[in-house]
Amino acid sequence: MHINSISNLIMTQANATTAEGSPILNMLPILVMFIVLYFLMIRPQIKRQKEHRNLISSLSQNDEIITSGGILGKIKKINENYVVIDISYSSDKNPIEIATQKNAIIGVMPKGTIKSL
């Protein structure tokens, strides 16, 4: 009979620990993970995209730029989606020009950067 009372005690404790708490408390760790994910990954990416959009919209003729491929050049023409870049480093009579998408531009260099090379 003593064994039966021990097994009843164990079963009672097991049932007490499996009782569910508030559903909000159960979901709290998942919500915290999503909030941390937003502030560590999503928000900085949105900020970088906004900065790049501002960079692209502020481009003007004769800006010295660098592309995502590492090409330095000076903007000669700007269209809606494309720019024509002069990539010749000397003042030749025949400039070397390439057309590229605006989104390929990753930065505007200070004036005189190309001449200093």
N, C-alpha and C. Protein backbone atom coordinates (compact mmCIF):
# COMPACT_ATOMS: atom_id res chain seq x y z
N MET A 1 0.81 -1.19 0.00
CA MET A 1 0.00 0.00 0.00
C MET A 1 0.86 1.26 0.00
N HIS A 2 1.98 1.12 0.58
CA HIS A 2 2.91 2.23 0.62
C HIS A 2 3.38 2.61 -0.79
N ILE A 3 3.55 1.63 -1.67
CA ILE A 3 3.98 1.86 -3.05
C ILE A 3 2.89 2.61 -3.82
N ASN A 4 1.65 2.29 -3.57
CA ASN A 4 0.55 2.99 -4.24
C ASN A 4 0.50 4.46 -3.88
N SER A 5 0.75 4.79 -2.65
CA SER A 5 0.72 6.19 -2.24
C SER A 5 1.89 6.97 -2.85
N ILE A 6 3.05 6.31 -3.02
CA ILE A 6 4.20 6.98 -3.66
C ILE A 6 3.90 7.23 -5.13
N SER A 7 3.32 6.23 -5.81
CA SER A 7 3.00 6.42 -7.23
C SER A 7 1.93 7.48 -7.42
N ASN A 8 0.96 7.56 -6.51
CA ASN A 8 -0.05 8.62 -6.58
C ASN A 8 0.57 10.00 -6.39
N LEU A 9 1.53 10.09 -5.49
CA LEU A 9 2.22 11.34 -5.25
C LEU A 9 3.01 11.78 -6.49
N ILE A 10 3.68 10.84 -7.13
CA ILE A 10 4.46 11.15 -8.35
C ILE A 10 3.53 11.60 -9.47
N MET A 11 2.42 10.92 -9.64
CA MET A 11 1.46 11.28 -10.69
C MET A 11 0.86 12.66 -10.44
N THR A 12 0.61 12.99 -9.21
CA THR A 12 0.04 14.29 -8.86
C THR A 12 1.03 15.41 -9.19
N GLN A 13 2.30 15.19 -8.88
CA GLN A 13 3.33 16.19 -9.18
C GLN A 13 3.52 16.35 -10.69
N ALA A 14 3.47 15.25 -11.43
CA ALA A 14 3.63 15.31 -12.88
C ALA A 14 2.49 16.09 -13.51
N ASN A 15 1.28 15.90 -13.03
CA ASN A 15 0.13 16.63 -13.56
C ASN A 15 0.20 18.10 -13.22
N ALA A 16 0.74 18.42 -12.07
CA ALA A 16 0.83 19.82 -11.65
C ALA A 16 1.85 20.59 -12.50
N THR A 17 2.92 19.94 -12.93
CA THR A 17 3.94 20.63 -13.72
C THR A 17 3.52 20.80 -15.17
N THR A 18 2.60 20.00 -15.66
CA THR A 18 2.17 20.13 -17.05
C THR A 18 0.99 21.07 -17.22
N ALA A 19 0.52 21.66 -16.17
CA ALA A 19 -0.60 22.60 -16.27
C ALA A 19 -0.15 23.81 -17.08
N GLU A 20 -0.99 24.24 -18.00
CA GLU A 20 -0.63 25.35 -18.88
C GLU A 20 -0.87 26.67 -18.18
N GLY A 21 0.04 27.61 -18.48
CA GLY A 21 -0.10 28.96 -17.95
C GLY A 21 -0.84 29.82 -18.96
N SER A 22 -0.62 31.09 -18.87
CA SER A 22 -1.25 32.04 -19.78
C SER A 22 -0.69 31.87 -21.19
N PRO A 23 -1.55 31.87 -22.21
CA PRO A 23 -1.05 31.74 -23.59
C PRO A 23 -0.12 32.90 -23.99
N ILE A 24 -0.34 34.06 -23.41
CA ILE A 24 0.52 35.21 -23.72
C ILE A 24 1.93 34.95 -23.21
N LEU A 25 2.05 34.38 -22.03
CA LEU A 25 3.38 34.07 -21.49
C LEU A 25 4.08 33.00 -22.30
N ASN A 26 3.32 32.07 -22.87
CA ASN A 26 3.92 31.03 -23.71
C ASN A 26 4.44 31.62 -25.03
N MET A 27 3.78 32.66 -25.53
CA MET A 27 4.19 33.26 -26.80
C MET A 27 5.23 34.37 -26.62
N LEU A 28 5.47 34.78 -25.40
CA LEU A 28 6.39 35.89 -25.13
C LEU A 28 7.80 35.66 -25.68
N PRO A 29 8.42 34.50 -25.52
CA PRO A 29 9.77 34.32 -26.10
C PRO A 29 9.80 34.47 -27.62
N ILE A 30 8.77 34.00 -28.29
CA ILE A 30 8.72 34.12 -29.75
C ILE A 30 8.57 35.59 -30.14
N LEU A 31 7.73 36.33 -29.44
CA LEU A 31 7.55 37.75 -29.72
C LEU A 31 8.85 38.52 -29.49
N VAL A 32 9.55 38.19 -28.42
CA VAL A 32 10.83 38.85 -28.13
C VAL A 32 11.84 38.55 -29.24
N MET A 33 11.85 37.31 -29.75
CA MET A 33 12.77 36.96 -30.84
C MET A 33 12.46 37.77 -32.09
N PHE A 34 11.20 37.95 -32.43
CA PHE A 34 10.84 38.74 -33.60
C PHE A 34 11.22 40.21 -33.43
N ILE A 35 11.05 40.74 -32.24
CA ILE A 35 11.42 42.14 -32.00
C ILE A 35 12.93 42.31 -32.13
N VAL A 36 13.69 41.39 -31.57
CA VAL A 36 15.16 41.46 -31.68
C VAL A 36 15.58 41.31 -33.14
N LEU A 37 14.96 40.39 -33.87
CA LEU A 37 15.26 40.20 -35.29
C LEU A 37 14.98 41.46 -36.08
N TYR A 38 13.90 42.14 -35.78
CA TYR A 38 13.56 43.37 -36.48
C TYR A 38 14.63 44.44 -36.26
N PHE A 39 15.03 44.64 -35.01
CA PHE A 39 15.99 45.71 -34.71
C PHE A 39 17.41 45.36 -35.12
N LEU A 40 17.76 44.09 -35.20
CA LEU A 40 19.13 43.72 -35.57
C LEU A 40 19.32 43.49 -37.06
N MET A 41 18.27 43.10 -37.78
CA MET A 41 18.45 42.76 -39.19
C MET A 41 17.58 43.59 -40.14
N ILE A 42 16.31 43.68 -39.88
CA ILE A 42 15.40 44.29 -40.84
C ILE A 42 15.53 45.81 -40.85
N ARG A 43 15.54 46.43 -39.69
CA ARG A 43 15.61 47.90 -39.61
C ARG A 43 16.90 48.47 -40.21
N PRO A 44 18.08 47.89 -39.93
CA PRO A 44 19.30 48.42 -40.57
C PRO A 44 19.28 48.28 -42.09
N GLN A 45 18.69 47.20 -42.61
CA GLN A 45 18.60 47.03 -44.05
C GLN A 45 17.70 48.09 -44.67
N ILE A 46 16.59 48.39 -44.04
CA ILE A 46 15.68 49.44 -44.53
C ILE A 46 16.40 50.78 -44.52
N LYS A 47 17.19 51.03 -43.49
CA LYS A 47 17.94 52.29 -43.39
C LYS A 47 18.97 52.40 -44.52
N ARG A 48 19.68 51.30 -44.82
CA ARG A 48 20.66 51.32 -45.92
C ARG A 48 19.98 51.55 -47.26
N GLN A 49 18.81 50.93 -47.47
CA GLN A 49 18.08 51.13 -48.72
C GLN A 49 17.65 52.58 -48.88
N LYS A 50 17.22 53.20 -47.80
CA LYS A 50 16.80 54.60 -47.85
C LYS A 50 18.00 55.50 -48.18
N GLU A 51 19.16 55.24 -47.56
CA GLU A 51 20.36 56.03 -47.85
C GLU A 51 20.77 55.87 -49.31
N HIS A 52 20.67 54.65 -49.86
CA HIS A 52 21.04 54.43 -51.26
C HIS A 52 20.08 55.15 -52.20
N ARG A 53 18.77 55.13 -51.88
CA ARG A 53 17.80 55.87 -52.69
C ARG A 53 18.12 57.36 -52.69
N ASN A 54 18.48 57.91 -51.52
CA ASN A 54 18.84 59.32 -51.44
C ASN A 54 20.10 59.61 -52.25
N LEU A 55 21.08 58.71 -52.21
CA LEU A 55 22.30 58.87 -53.00
C LEU A 55 21.98 58.89 -54.49
N ILE A 56 21.17 57.96 -54.94
CA ILE A 56 20.82 57.87 -56.37
C ILE A 56 20.04 59.10 -56.81
N SER A 57 19.14 59.59 -55.99
CA SER A 57 18.33 60.75 -56.38
C SER A 57 19.14 62.04 -56.37
N SER A 58 20.25 62.07 -55.63
CA SER A 58 21.05 63.30 -55.56
C SER A 58 22.19 63.34 -56.57
N LEU A 59 22.28 62.36 -57.46
CA LEU A 59 23.36 62.36 -58.45
C LEU A 59 23.19 63.51 -59.43
N SER A 60 24.32 64.08 -59.83
CA SER A 60 24.28 65.15 -60.82
C SER A 60 25.46 64.98 -61.78
N GLN A 61 25.41 65.72 -62.87
CA GLN A 61 26.46 65.65 -63.87
C GLN A 61 27.79 66.09 -63.26
N ASN A 62 28.88 65.47 -63.70
CA ASN A 62 30.25 65.72 -63.25
C ASN A 62 30.54 65.24 -61.83
N ASP A 63 29.63 64.49 -61.22
CA ASP A 63 29.95 63.85 -59.94
C ASP A 63 30.94 62.71 -60.21
N GLU A 64 31.92 62.57 -59.34
CA GLU A 64 32.85 61.45 -59.44
C GLU A 64 32.29 60.33 -58.56
N ILE A 65 32.09 59.16 -59.18
CA ILE A 65 31.39 58.08 -58.50
C ILE A 65 32.21 56.80 -58.56
N ILE A 66 31.80 55.84 -57.74
CA ILE A 66 32.35 54.49 -57.79
C ILE A 66 31.17 53.53 -57.92
N THR A 67 31.35 52.52 -58.77
CA THR A 67 30.28 51.54 -58.99
C THR A 67 30.51 50.32 -58.11
N SER A 68 29.53 49.44 -58.09
CA SER A 68 29.65 48.21 -57.30
C SER A 68 30.74 47.30 -57.86
N GLY A 69 31.12 47.48 -59.10
CA GLY A 69 32.21 46.72 -59.70
C GLY A 69 33.57 47.33 -59.46
N GLY A 70 33.62 48.48 -58.78
CA GLY A 70 34.88 49.13 -58.45
C GLY A 70 35.37 50.10 -59.51
N ILE A 71 34.53 50.47 -60.46
CA ILE A 71 34.93 51.39 -61.52
C ILE A 71 34.73 52.82 -61.05
N LEU A 72 35.81 53.62 -61.16
CA LEU A 72 35.73 55.05 -60.85
C LEU A 72 35.46 55.80 -62.14
N GLY A 73 34.63 56.81 -62.07
CA GLY A 73 34.35 57.60 -63.26
C GLY A 73 33.60 58.86 -62.92
N LYS A 74 33.39 59.66 -63.97
CA LYS A 74 32.68 60.93 -63.82
C LYS A 74 31.40 60.83 -64.63
N ILE A 75 30.29 61.24 -64.04
CA ILE A 75 28.99 61.16 -64.70
C ILE A 75 28.92 62.21 -65.81
N LYS A 76 28.56 61.76 -67.02
CA LYS A 76 28.39 62.66 -68.15
C LYS A 76 26.93 62.90 -68.49
N LYS A 77 26.10 61.86 -68.42
CA LYS A 77 24.67 61.98 -68.73
C LYS A 77 23.89 61.17 -67.70
N ILE A 78 22.71 61.68 -67.38
CA ILE A 78 21.83 60.97 -66.44
C ILE A 78 20.47 60.80 -67.09
N ASN A 79 20.01 59.55 -67.16
CA ASN A 79 18.66 59.24 -67.61
C ASN A 79 17.86 58.78 -66.40
N GLU A 80 16.65 58.30 -66.66
CA GLU A 80 15.80 57.86 -65.55
C GLU A 80 16.39 56.67 -64.81
N ASN A 81 16.88 55.67 -65.54
CA ASN A 81 17.41 54.47 -64.91
C ASN A 81 18.90 54.25 -65.15
N TYR A 82 19.50 54.99 -66.07
CA TYR A 82 20.88 54.76 -66.46
C TYR A 82 21.69 56.04 -66.36
N VAL A 83 23.01 55.86 -66.23
CA VAL A 83 23.95 56.98 -66.29
C VAL A 83 25.06 56.62 -67.26
N VAL A 84 25.61 57.63 -67.91
CA VAL A 84 26.78 57.44 -68.77
C VAL A 84 27.97 57.97 -67.99
N ILE A 85 28.99 57.12 -67.86
CA ILE A 85 30.14 57.44 -67.03
C ILE A 85 31.38 57.52 -67.91
N ASP A 86 32.15 58.60 -67.74
CA ASP A 86 33.44 58.75 -68.41
C ASP A 86 34.48 58.12 -67.50
N ILE A 87 35.14 57.05 -67.99
CA ILE A 87 36.10 56.34 -67.16
C ILE A 87 37.54 56.59 -67.59
N SER A 88 37.76 57.53 -68.53
CA SER A 88 39.14 57.82 -68.94
C SER A 88 39.76 58.76 -67.91
N TYR A 89 41.01 58.48 -67.56
CA TYR A 89 41.68 59.25 -66.51
C TYR A 89 42.47 60.43 -67.06
N SER A 90 42.68 60.46 -68.33
CA SER A 90 43.39 61.60 -68.91
C SER A 90 42.41 62.39 -69.76
N SER A 91 42.80 63.56 -70.15
CA SER A 91 41.89 64.40 -70.95
C SER A 91 42.10 64.12 -72.43
N ASP A 92 41.88 62.87 -72.82
CA ASP A 92 41.98 62.48 -74.23
C ASP A 92 40.85 63.12 -75.03
N LYS A 93 41.10 63.23 -76.32
CA LYS A 93 40.04 63.74 -77.19
C LYS A 93 38.95 62.70 -77.39
N ASN A 94 39.28 61.44 -77.16
CA ASN A 94 38.31 60.35 -77.29
C ASN A 94 38.05 59.76 -75.90
N PRO A 95 37.07 60.28 -75.18
CA PRO A 95 36.82 59.75 -73.84
C PRO A 95 36.24 58.33 -73.90
N ILE A 96 36.50 57.58 -72.87
CA ILE A 96 35.95 56.23 -72.75
C ILE A 96 34.71 56.33 -71.88
N GLU A 97 33.56 56.02 -72.48
CA GLU A 97 32.30 56.15 -71.76
C GLU A 97 31.59 54.81 -71.70
N ILE A 98 30.98 54.54 -70.57
CA ILE A 98 30.16 53.35 -70.41
C ILE A 98 28.81 53.76 -69.84
N ALA A 99 27.81 52.97 -70.14
CA ALA A 99 26.48 53.19 -69.56
C ALA A 99 26.23 52.10 -68.52
N THR A 100 25.70 52.50 -67.40
CA THR A 100 25.39 51.55 -66.34
C THR A 100 24.11 51.96 -65.63
N GLN A 101 23.54 51.04 -64.92
CA GLN A 101 22.33 51.35 -64.16
C GLN A 101 22.67 52.22 -62.97
N LYS A 102 21.74 53.06 -62.59
CA LYS A 102 21.94 53.93 -61.43
C LYS A 102 22.15 53.11 -60.15
N ASN A 103 21.47 51.99 -60.06
CA ASN A 103 21.57 51.17 -58.85
C ASN A 103 22.96 50.58 -58.65
N ALA A 104 23.79 50.56 -59.70
CA ALA A 104 25.15 50.03 -59.58
C ALA A 104 26.09 51.02 -58.90
N ILE A 105 25.66 52.26 -58.74
CA ILE A 105 26.50 53.27 -58.10
C ILE A 105 26.39 53.10 -56.59
N ILE A 106 27.56 52.96 -55.95
CA ILE A 106 27.54 52.74 -54.49
C ILE A 106 28.06 53.93 -53.71
N GLY A 107 28.66 54.90 -54.40
CA GLY A 107 29.17 56.04 -53.64
C GLY A 107 29.59 57.18 -54.54
N VAL A 108 29.56 58.39 -53.97
CA VAL A 108 30.05 59.59 -54.65
C VAL A 108 31.38 59.94 -54.00
N MET A 109 32.40 60.08 -54.83
CA MET A 109 33.75 60.39 -54.35
C MET A 109 33.93 61.91 -54.28
N PRO A 110 34.85 62.38 -53.45
CA PRO A 110 35.13 63.82 -53.41
C PRO A 110 35.69 64.31 -54.75
N LYS A 111 35.41 65.56 -55.08
CA LYS A 111 35.90 66.14 -56.34
C LYS A 111 37.43 66.07 -56.36
N GLY A 112 37.98 65.70 -57.51
CA GLY A 112 39.43 65.62 -57.66
C GLY A 112 40.02 64.26 -57.34
N THR A 113 39.19 63.30 -56.98
CA THR A 113 39.69 61.97 -56.65
C THR A 113 40.32 61.30 -57.86
N ILE A 114 39.69 61.42 -59.01
CA ILE A 114 40.20 60.76 -60.21
C ILE A 114 41.52 61.39 -60.64
N LYS A 115 41.63 62.69 -60.56
CA LYS A 115 42.88 63.36 -60.95
C LYS A 115 44.03 63.00 -60.02
N SER A 116 43.73 62.70 -58.77
CA SER A 116 44.79 62.38 -57.82
C SER A 116 45.35 60.98 -58.00
N LEU A 117 44.70 60.16 -58.83
CA LEU A 117 45.19 58.79 -59.05
C LEU A 117 46.33 58.76 -59.97
